[in-house]
Amino acid sequence: MIEDLNDLTEKLKQGNGLSSSEAGAAARILASGKINDSDAGDFLIALADKGETPEEVATFAATFRELAMDPGLTEFAERALDVVGTGGDHSGSFNISTTTAFVLAAGGIPILKHGNRSVTSKSGSADLLTALGIEIEAEPKKIRQSAMELNFCYFFAPAFHPAFKAIMPVRRKLAAEGRRTIFNILGPLINPSCPARQMTGVFAAEWVKPLAEAHESLGLRSGVVVHGELPNGKGMDELSCAGQNRVAGFGELRDLDGYWSPESRGFTRCSVNDLAGGDGKENAALLKRILDGSGPAGLIDTIVLNAGAAFLVVGRKDGFKIARELLLGGSVKEWLERARDFYAG
C-alpha cells in the first residue's frame, strides 16, 4: 500500500496526472490510516505542486462521498440545494453563504447544508448556527424532521466523514507550513446527502472553472461556482458587491461563464468594510441587525446578490427581488425563530 502511494507520488513529481482509478486508490489509501504522515504529506504536496485537475478533484470527492456516513435523505436530494464555500479566503467577512441558505429555506427551497467550524475565518457555518441556537450535531431522526419541517438540515462535516480522521494530522501540519492541498477545495464537493443543485464559492478565481468542471463530473443537476474579487487585492468565496465576480455554471447552467459586476445585477458597489464579520456570537448579533433592516447596506445587497444567484440555480430568474423581500420582509426572521424553537424542543 505504501509502495503504491509512493509510486503515485513519483508519477506526480514527474508532472504526470493520475487516472481516475489511481486517484480513487490514492484517496482510499489516505483515508485508511495505514500510512505514515510523511508519505501522505509527500503525496499531497506533489499533487498540489503538479496542480490538481478537475478529474482528480472529482474522483477524490466521489471516493470520500462513498466513505461518508449516509444521512438517508435521498428523497430530498433531487430537489435540494447546498450553498457552501471552500473557506480559506482570509477575508474576515460575515457568514454570507450560511445566511443565503437561510433566505432560500425561508423561501421554501430545501437546503441540505454541509459545513464546519471556522478554520481560517473567525466564524464558520457551525459557529454561527451554534450562536443562533441551531444544533449542529443532531440525531439522524432530528435531521430528517428538520428537513421536512424547516426546509433545512445541517451536516457537520466531522460527524459525517470519519475517513478524514486519518488524514487530519498531516493536513494540520501542512496548513501550519502554509501548504495548500486538495483538501482545501474538497469540502464543498463531499456533502454526504448529495444534493442535486449547488452554489459553491471558492477562495481563488483560477479555481472557478476547474471546480465547475469537477461538479459536472460528479453529475450534479445544476449549479454555479463563484469567486468575488475585492479591490484590496484579496478575494472571497462568495459573490460580493465590493468588486467584480467570476462565475461559471455546470449542469443546466453550464453555459454560464464570465463575470458579474454588482452594477450588472442592479446593485450599487459597496466598501469591503461593509462585508466584515466577527466570531459566531458577533455575527449572530449582526444578522439580527440585518433582519431588522439596520445592517450595512452593502452587506444586505451582497446577501441578496448571493441569494438571487442561488434562486437562479433552482430555476427562479426573479430571485433577486424575492431574496430582498424574504430577507427584509420578516420571512427569514420568522424562519429563524421557528428553527430555534425546533432545536430547543
Protein backbone atom coordinates (compact mmCIF):
# COMPACT_ATOMS: atom_id res chain seq x y z
CA MET A 1 0.00 0.00 0.00
CA ILE A 2 2.76 2.45 0.96
CA GLU A 3 4.69 1.43 -2.13
CA ASP A 4 1.61 2.11 -4.28
CA LEU A 5 1.19 5.63 -2.89
CA ASN A 6 4.90 6.35 -3.24
CA ASP A 7 4.74 5.22 -6.87
CA LEU A 8 1.90 7.68 -7.46
CA THR A 9 3.89 10.41 -5.70
CA GLU A 10 6.81 9.84 -8.07
CA LYS A 11 4.45 9.96 -11.05
CA LEU A 12 3.14 13.33 -9.86
CA LYS A 13 6.65 14.68 -9.30
CA GLN A 14 7.37 13.91 -12.95
CA GLY A 15 4.43 16.16 -13.90
CA ASN A 16 2.05 13.38 -14.86
CA GLY A 17 -1.61 13.30 -13.86
CA LEU A 18 -3.46 10.46 -12.18
CA SER A 19 -6.04 8.29 -13.87
CA SER A 20 -9.44 8.01 -12.23
CA SER A 21 -8.55 4.61 -10.77
CA GLU A 22 -5.22 5.92 -9.45
CA ALA A 23 -6.81 8.99 -7.85
CA GLY A 24 -9.50 6.84 -6.24
CA ALA A 25 -6.91 4.40 -4.92
CA ALA A 26 -4.83 7.26 -3.51
CA ALA A 27 -7.86 8.72 -1.72
CA ARG A 28 -8.64 5.35 -0.13
CA ILE A 29 -5.02 4.86 0.95
CA LEU A 30 -5.00 8.30 2.60
CA ALA A 31 -8.28 7.51 4.37
CA SER A 32 -7.10 4.10 5.58
CA GLY A 33 -4.84 5.34 8.37
CA LYS A 34 -2.29 2.70 7.38
CA ILE A 35 0.41 5.04 6.06
CA ASN A 36 2.66 7.45 7.89
CA ASP A 37 2.20 11.20 7.78
CA SER A 38 5.45 11.71 5.88
CA ASP A 39 4.35 9.58 2.92
CA ALA A 40 0.87 11.13 2.96
CA GLY A 41 2.34 14.63 3.07
CA ASP A 42 4.75 13.92 0.21
CA PHE A 43 1.84 12.75 -1.95
CA LEU A 44 -0.37 15.75 -1.15
CA ILE A 45 2.47 18.21 -1.80
CA ALA A 46 3.34 16.53 -5.10
CA LEU A 47 -0.31 16.63 -6.19
CA ALA A 48 -0.64 20.33 -5.32
CA ASP A 49 2.68 21.23 -6.95
CA LYS A 50 1.65 19.41 -10.14
CA GLY A 51 -1.77 21.08 -9.98
CA GLU A 52 -4.95 19.13 -9.36
CA THR A 53 -7.08 18.52 -12.44
CA PRO A 54 -10.90 18.67 -12.35
CA GLU A 55 -10.94 14.89 -12.89
CA GLU A 56 -8.63 14.26 -9.92
CA VAL A 57 -10.70 16.54 -7.69
CA ALA A 58 -13.95 14.88 -8.79
CA THR A 59 -12.55 11.39 -8.18
CA PHE A 60 -11.30 12.32 -4.70
CA ALA A 61 -14.73 13.82 -3.98
CA ALA A 62 -16.60 10.76 -5.25
CA THR A 63 -14.40 8.49 -3.13
CA PHE A 64 -14.89 10.47 0.08
CA ARG A 65 -18.63 10.64 -0.63
CA GLU A 66 -18.64 6.84 -0.75
CA LEU A 67 -16.75 6.71 2.56
CA ALA A 68 -19.09 9.21 4.26
CA MET A 69 -21.98 8.31 6.55
CA ASP A 70 -25.27 8.30 4.64
CA PRO A 71 -27.85 10.61 6.29
CA GLY A 72 -30.68 8.82 4.45
CA LEU A 73 -32.20 11.84 2.70
CA THR A 74 -32.16 10.60 -0.88
CA GLU A 75 -35.76 11.67 -1.49
CA PHE A 76 -34.85 15.28 -0.60
CA ALA A 77 -31.58 15.38 -2.52
CA GLU A 78 -33.07 15.56 -6.02
CA ARG A 79 -34.85 18.86 -5.28
CA ALA A 80 -32.39 20.25 -2.72
CA LEU A 81 -29.63 22.85 -2.80
CA ASP A 82 -26.43 23.46 -0.86
CA VAL A 83 -24.86 26.92 -0.59
CA VAL A 84 -21.29 26.44 0.54
CA GLY A 85 -17.77 27.81 0.25
CA THR A 86 -14.29 26.37 0.40
CA GLY A 87 -13.20 28.88 3.02
CA GLY A 88 -9.56 29.86 3.00
CA ASP A 89 -10.08 33.35 1.57
CA HIS A 90 -8.85 35.14 4.74
CA SER A 91 -11.32 37.96 4.02
CA GLY A 92 -12.75 38.16 7.55
CA SER A 93 -16.24 38.51 6.12
CA PHE A 94 -19.67 37.81 7.58
CA ASN A 95 -21.29 34.36 7.14
CA ILE A 96 -22.77 35.23 3.75
CA SER A 97 -23.34 31.74 2.32
CA THR A 98 -24.98 30.49 5.54
CA THR A 99 -27.32 33.48 5.59
CA THR A 100 -28.04 32.88 1.91
CA ALA A 101 -29.08 29.34 2.83
CA PHE A 102 -31.48 30.76 5.44
CA VAL A 103 -33.06 33.00 2.78
CA LEU A 104 -33.61 30.07 0.43
CA ALA A 105 -35.02 27.86 3.20
CA ALA A 106 -37.42 30.65 4.22
CA GLY A 107 -38.46 30.80 0.57
CA GLY A 108 -39.40 27.13 0.51
CA ILE A 109 -36.28 25.72 -1.14
CA PRO A 110 -34.96 22.52 0.53
CA ILE A 111 -31.46 23.18 1.86
CA LEU A 112 -29.08 20.33 2.68
CA LYS A 113 -26.14 22.26 4.10
CA HIS A 114 -22.69 20.80 4.68
CA GLY A 115 -20.21 22.73 6.80
CA ASN A 116 -17.74 23.01 9.64
CA ARG A 117 -16.36 25.28 12.31
CA SER A 118 -14.01 28.10 11.35
CA VAL A 119 -10.52 27.24 10.17
CA THR A 120 -9.13 30.41 8.59
CA SER A 121 -12.08 32.72 9.38
CA LYS A 122 -13.48 33.93 12.68
CA SER A 123 -16.81 32.20 12.10
CA GLY A 124 -17.63 29.09 10.09
CA SER A 125 -21.19 28.00 9.41
CA ALA A 126 -21.19 25.76 12.50
CA ASP A 127 -20.09 28.67 14.70
CA LEU A 128 -22.95 30.88 13.51
CA LEU A 129 -25.54 28.11 13.80
CA THR A 130 -24.42 27.34 17.36
CA ALA A 131 -24.68 31.02 18.30
CA LEU A 132 -28.21 31.09 16.83
CA GLY A 133 -29.31 28.06 18.85
CA ILE A 134 -29.41 25.65 15.91
CA GLU A 135 -27.94 22.25 16.77
CA ILE A 136 -25.05 21.20 14.53
CA GLU A 137 -24.77 17.55 15.63
CA ALA A 138 -28.40 16.47 15.80
CA GLU A 139 -29.51 12.84 15.81
CA PRO A 140 -30.45 11.39 12.38
CA LYS A 141 -34.18 11.46 13.20
CA LYS A 142 -33.96 15.13 14.17
CA ILE A 143 -32.04 15.94 10.99
CA ARG A 144 -34.76 14.30 8.91
CA GLN A 145 -37.50 16.15 10.79
CA SER A 146 -35.62 19.41 10.25
CA ALA A 147 -35.53 18.79 6.50
CA MET A 148 -39.29 18.20 6.45
CA GLU A 149 -40.37 21.00 8.81
CA LEU A 150 -37.78 23.73 8.13
CA ASN A 151 -36.61 23.02 4.55
CA PHE A 152 -33.17 22.89 6.15
CA CYS A 153 -30.78 20.48 7.77
CA TYR A 154 -27.11 20.67 8.60
CA PHE A 155 -24.38 18.09 8.20
CA PHE A 156 -21.45 18.87 10.49
CA ALA A 157 -18.50 17.61 8.43
CA PRO A 158 -16.50 15.85 11.20
CA ALA A 159 -19.59 13.84 12.21
CA PHE A 160 -20.21 12.54 8.68
CA HIS A 161 -16.65 11.98 7.43
CA PRO A 162 -14.87 9.51 9.73
CA ALA A 163 -12.41 8.84 6.89
CA PHE A 164 -11.00 12.33 7.38
CA LYS A 165 -9.69 11.49 10.85
CA ALA A 166 -6.73 9.55 9.46
CA ILE A 167 -5.53 12.42 7.31
CA MET A 168 -6.21 15.26 9.78
CA PRO A 169 -2.73 15.34 11.44
CA VAL A 170 -0.89 15.74 8.14
CA ARG A 171 -3.43 18.32 6.95
CA ARG A 172 -2.82 20.38 10.08
CA LYS A 173 0.95 20.08 9.68
CA LEU A 174 0.89 21.19 6.05
CA ALA A 175 -1.52 24.03 6.83
CA ALA A 176 0.85 25.27 9.55
CA GLU A 177 3.57 25.34 6.89
CA GLY A 178 1.33 27.39 4.59
CA ARG A 179 0.80 24.48 2.22
CA ARG A 180 -2.48 24.16 0.32
CA THR A 181 -3.67 20.65 -0.51
CA ILE A 182 -6.58 19.10 -2.39
CA PHE A 183 -8.47 19.01 0.91
CA ASN A 184 -8.68 22.82 0.88
CA ILE A 185 -11.03 22.62 -2.09
CA LEU A 186 -12.73 19.28 -1.44
CA GLY A 187 -15.21 20.26 1.29
CA PRO A 188 -18.00 21.68 -0.91
CA LEU A 189 -17.93 18.59 -3.15
CA ILE A 190 -18.43 15.96 -0.44
CA ASN A 191 -21.81 16.82 1.06
CA PRO A 192 -22.90 13.38 2.36
CA SER A 193 -26.52 13.98 1.32
CA CYS A 194 -25.52 14.65 -2.34
CA PRO A 195 -27.96 17.48 -3.20
CA ALA A 196 -28.65 17.78 -6.93
CA ARG A 197 -28.05 21.54 -7.01
CA GLN A 198 -25.28 23.63 -5.53
CA MET A 199 -23.82 27.12 -5.32
CA THR A 200 -20.15 26.85 -4.43
CA GLY A 201 -17.78 29.67 -3.52
CA VAL A 202 -14.03 29.25 -3.94
CA PHE A 203 -11.09 31.19 -2.48
CA ALA A 204 -9.32 31.91 -5.82
CA ALA A 205 -10.61 32.94 -9.25
CA GLU A 206 -8.42 30.41 -11.06
CA TRP A 207 -10.34 27.60 -9.35
CA VAL A 208 -13.80 28.70 -10.53
CA LYS A 209 -13.80 26.90 -13.89
CA PRO A 210 -11.97 23.73 -12.71
CA LEU A 211 -14.39 23.33 -9.79
CA ALA A 212 -17.36 23.82 -12.11
CA GLU A 213 -15.95 21.01 -14.26
CA ALA A 214 -15.49 18.82 -11.17
CA HIS A 215 -19.13 19.39 -10.16
CA GLU A 216 -20.17 18.50 -13.70
CA SER A 217 -18.19 15.25 -13.47
CA LEU A 218 -19.98 14.39 -10.23
CA GLY A 219 -23.31 14.59 -12.06
CA LEU A 220 -24.97 17.49 -10.24
CA ARG A 221 -28.12 18.69 -11.97
CA SER A 222 -27.47 22.42 -11.79
CA GLY A 223 -25.22 24.93 -10.11
CA VAL A 224 -22.66 27.68 -10.18
CA VAL A 225 -19.15 28.22 -8.81
CA VAL A 226 -18.30 31.78 -7.80
CA HIS A 227 -15.46 33.95 -6.55
CA GLY A 228 -15.63 37.59 -5.53
CA GLU A 229 -12.67 39.79 -6.43
CA LEU A 230 -12.04 42.61 -3.95
CA PRO A 231 -10.37 45.98 -4.60
CA ASN A 232 -7.90 45.40 -1.74
CA GLY A 233 -6.32 42.57 -3.73
CA LYS A 234 -8.00 39.84 -1.72
CA GLY A 235 -10.91 37.68 -2.74
CA MET A 236 -13.97 35.96 -1.29
CA ASP A 237 -15.53 32.54 -1.62
CA GLU A 238 -18.85 34.31 -2.31
CA LEU A 239 -20.29 36.83 -4.70
CA SER A 240 -19.81 40.38 -3.45
CA CYS A 241 -20.98 43.90 -4.19
CA ALA A 242 -17.48 45.20 -3.44
CA GLY A 243 -15.97 44.17 -6.78
CA GLN A 244 -16.10 42.02 -9.88
CA ASN A 245 -17.26 38.40 -9.58
CA ARG A 246 -16.05 35.38 -11.53
CA VAL A 247 -18.83 32.86 -12.21
CA ALA A 248 -19.06 29.52 -14.02
CA GLY A 249 -22.05 27.21 -14.18
CA PHE A 250 -22.46 23.46 -14.51
CA GLY A 251 -25.30 21.10 -15.34
CA GLU A 252 -28.31 23.09 -16.52
CA LEU A 253 -26.27 26.30 -16.14
CA ARG A 254 -23.13 25.08 -17.93
CA ASP A 255 -23.39 27.91 -20.49
CA LEU A 256 -22.88 30.48 -17.72
CA ASP A 257 -19.22 31.52 -17.80
CA GLY A 258 -17.94 35.03 -17.22
CA TYR A 259 -18.03 37.96 -14.83
CA TRP A 260 -20.78 39.70 -12.90
CA SER A 261 -20.30 43.23 -11.66
CA PRO A 262 -22.63 44.47 -8.92
CA GLU A 263 -23.98 47.06 -11.35
CA SER A 264 -24.82 44.43 -13.98
CA ARG A 265 -27.15 42.76 -11.45
CA GLY A 266 -28.77 46.03 -10.35
CA PHE A 267 -26.71 46.70 -7.21
CA THR A 268 -24.57 49.59 -6.03
CA ARG A 269 -20.88 48.87 -5.46
CA CYS A 270 -20.02 48.86 -1.76
CA SER A 271 -17.00 49.10 0.51
CA VAL A 272 -15.14 45.96 1.59
CA ASN A 273 -15.65 47.19 5.15
CA ASP A 274 -19.41 46.64 4.76
CA LEU A 275 -18.80 42.90 4.49
CA ALA A 276 -16.73 42.48 7.66
CA GLY A 277 -17.78 39.96 10.27
CA GLY A 278 -16.66 38.69 13.65
CA ASP A 279 -16.95 35.47 15.58
CA GLY A 280 -20.11 33.38 15.77
CA LYS A 281 -21.77 35.44 18.50
CA GLU A 282 -20.86 38.74 16.85
CA ASN A 283 -22.22 37.54 13.51
CA ALA A 284 -25.43 36.34 15.15
CA ALA A 285 -25.90 39.86 16.54
CA LEU A 286 -25.10 41.35 13.13
CA LEU A 287 -27.63 39.02 11.50
CA LYS A 288 -30.29 40.33 13.88
CA ARG A 289 -29.48 43.88 12.73
CA ILE A 290 -29.66 42.79 9.09
CA LEU A 291 -33.08 41.22 9.58
CA ASP A 292 -34.26 44.39 11.32
CA GLY A 293 -33.11 46.38 8.28
CA SER A 294 -30.34 48.23 10.10
CA GLY A 295 -27.30 46.25 8.89
CA PRO A 296 -24.72 47.67 6.46
CA ALA A 297 -26.38 48.35 3.10
CA GLY A 298 -23.51 46.75 1.20
CA LEU A 299 -23.76 43.56 3.24
CA ILE A 300 -27.53 43.37 2.75
CA ASP A 301 -27.05 43.82 -1.01
CA THR A 302 -24.33 41.17 -1.05
CA ILE A 303 -26.58 38.64 0.70
CA VAL A 304 -29.35 39.45 -1.79
CA LEU A 305 -26.89 39.06 -4.69
CA ASN A 306 -25.87 35.61 -3.46
CA ALA A 307 -29.42 34.53 -2.68
CA GLY A 308 -30.62 35.72 -6.09
CA ALA A 309 -27.91 33.64 -7.74
CA ALA A 310 -28.90 30.64 -5.61
CA PHE A 311 -32.52 31.06 -6.71
CA LEU A 312 -31.23 31.02 -10.31
CA VAL A 313 -29.69 27.60 -9.60
CA VAL A 314 -33.15 26.28 -8.70
CA GLY A 315 -34.70 27.84 -11.80
CA ARG A 316 -36.02 31.16 -10.43
CA LYS A 317 -34.97 34.12 -12.58
CA ASP A 318 -36.74 36.64 -10.32
CA GLY A 319 -34.58 35.60 -7.37
CA PHE A 320 -33.04 38.97 -6.53
CA LYS A 321 -36.45 40.54 -5.91
CA ILE A 322 -37.66 37.50 -3.96
CA ALA A 323 -34.47 37.38 -1.87
CA ARG A 324 -34.76 41.00 -0.76
CA GLU A 325 -38.41 40.55 0.21
CA LEU A 326 -37.60 37.41 2.22
CA LEU A 327 -34.59 38.95 3.95
CA LEU A 328 -36.11 42.30 4.89
CA GLY A 329 -39.83 41.47 4.95
CA GLY A 330 -39.74 39.28 8.04
CA SER A 331 -39.75 35.81 6.47
CA VAL A 332 -36.15 34.93 7.35
CA LYS A 333 -36.57 36.32 10.87
CA GLU A 334 -39.70 34.21 11.35
CA TRP A 335 -37.94 31.14 9.91
CA LEU A 336 -35.03 31.55 12.34
CA GLU A 337 -37.44 31.76 15.27
CA ARG A 338 -39.05 28.50 14.12
CA ALA A 339 -35.62 26.90 13.74
CA ARG A 340 -34.62 27.90 17.28
CA ASP A 341 -37.89 26.53 18.67
CA PHE A 342 -37.47 23.30 16.71
CA TYR A 343 -33.99 22.61 18.06
CA ALA A 344 -34.91 23.71 21.58
CA GLY A 345 -37.68 21.10 21.70
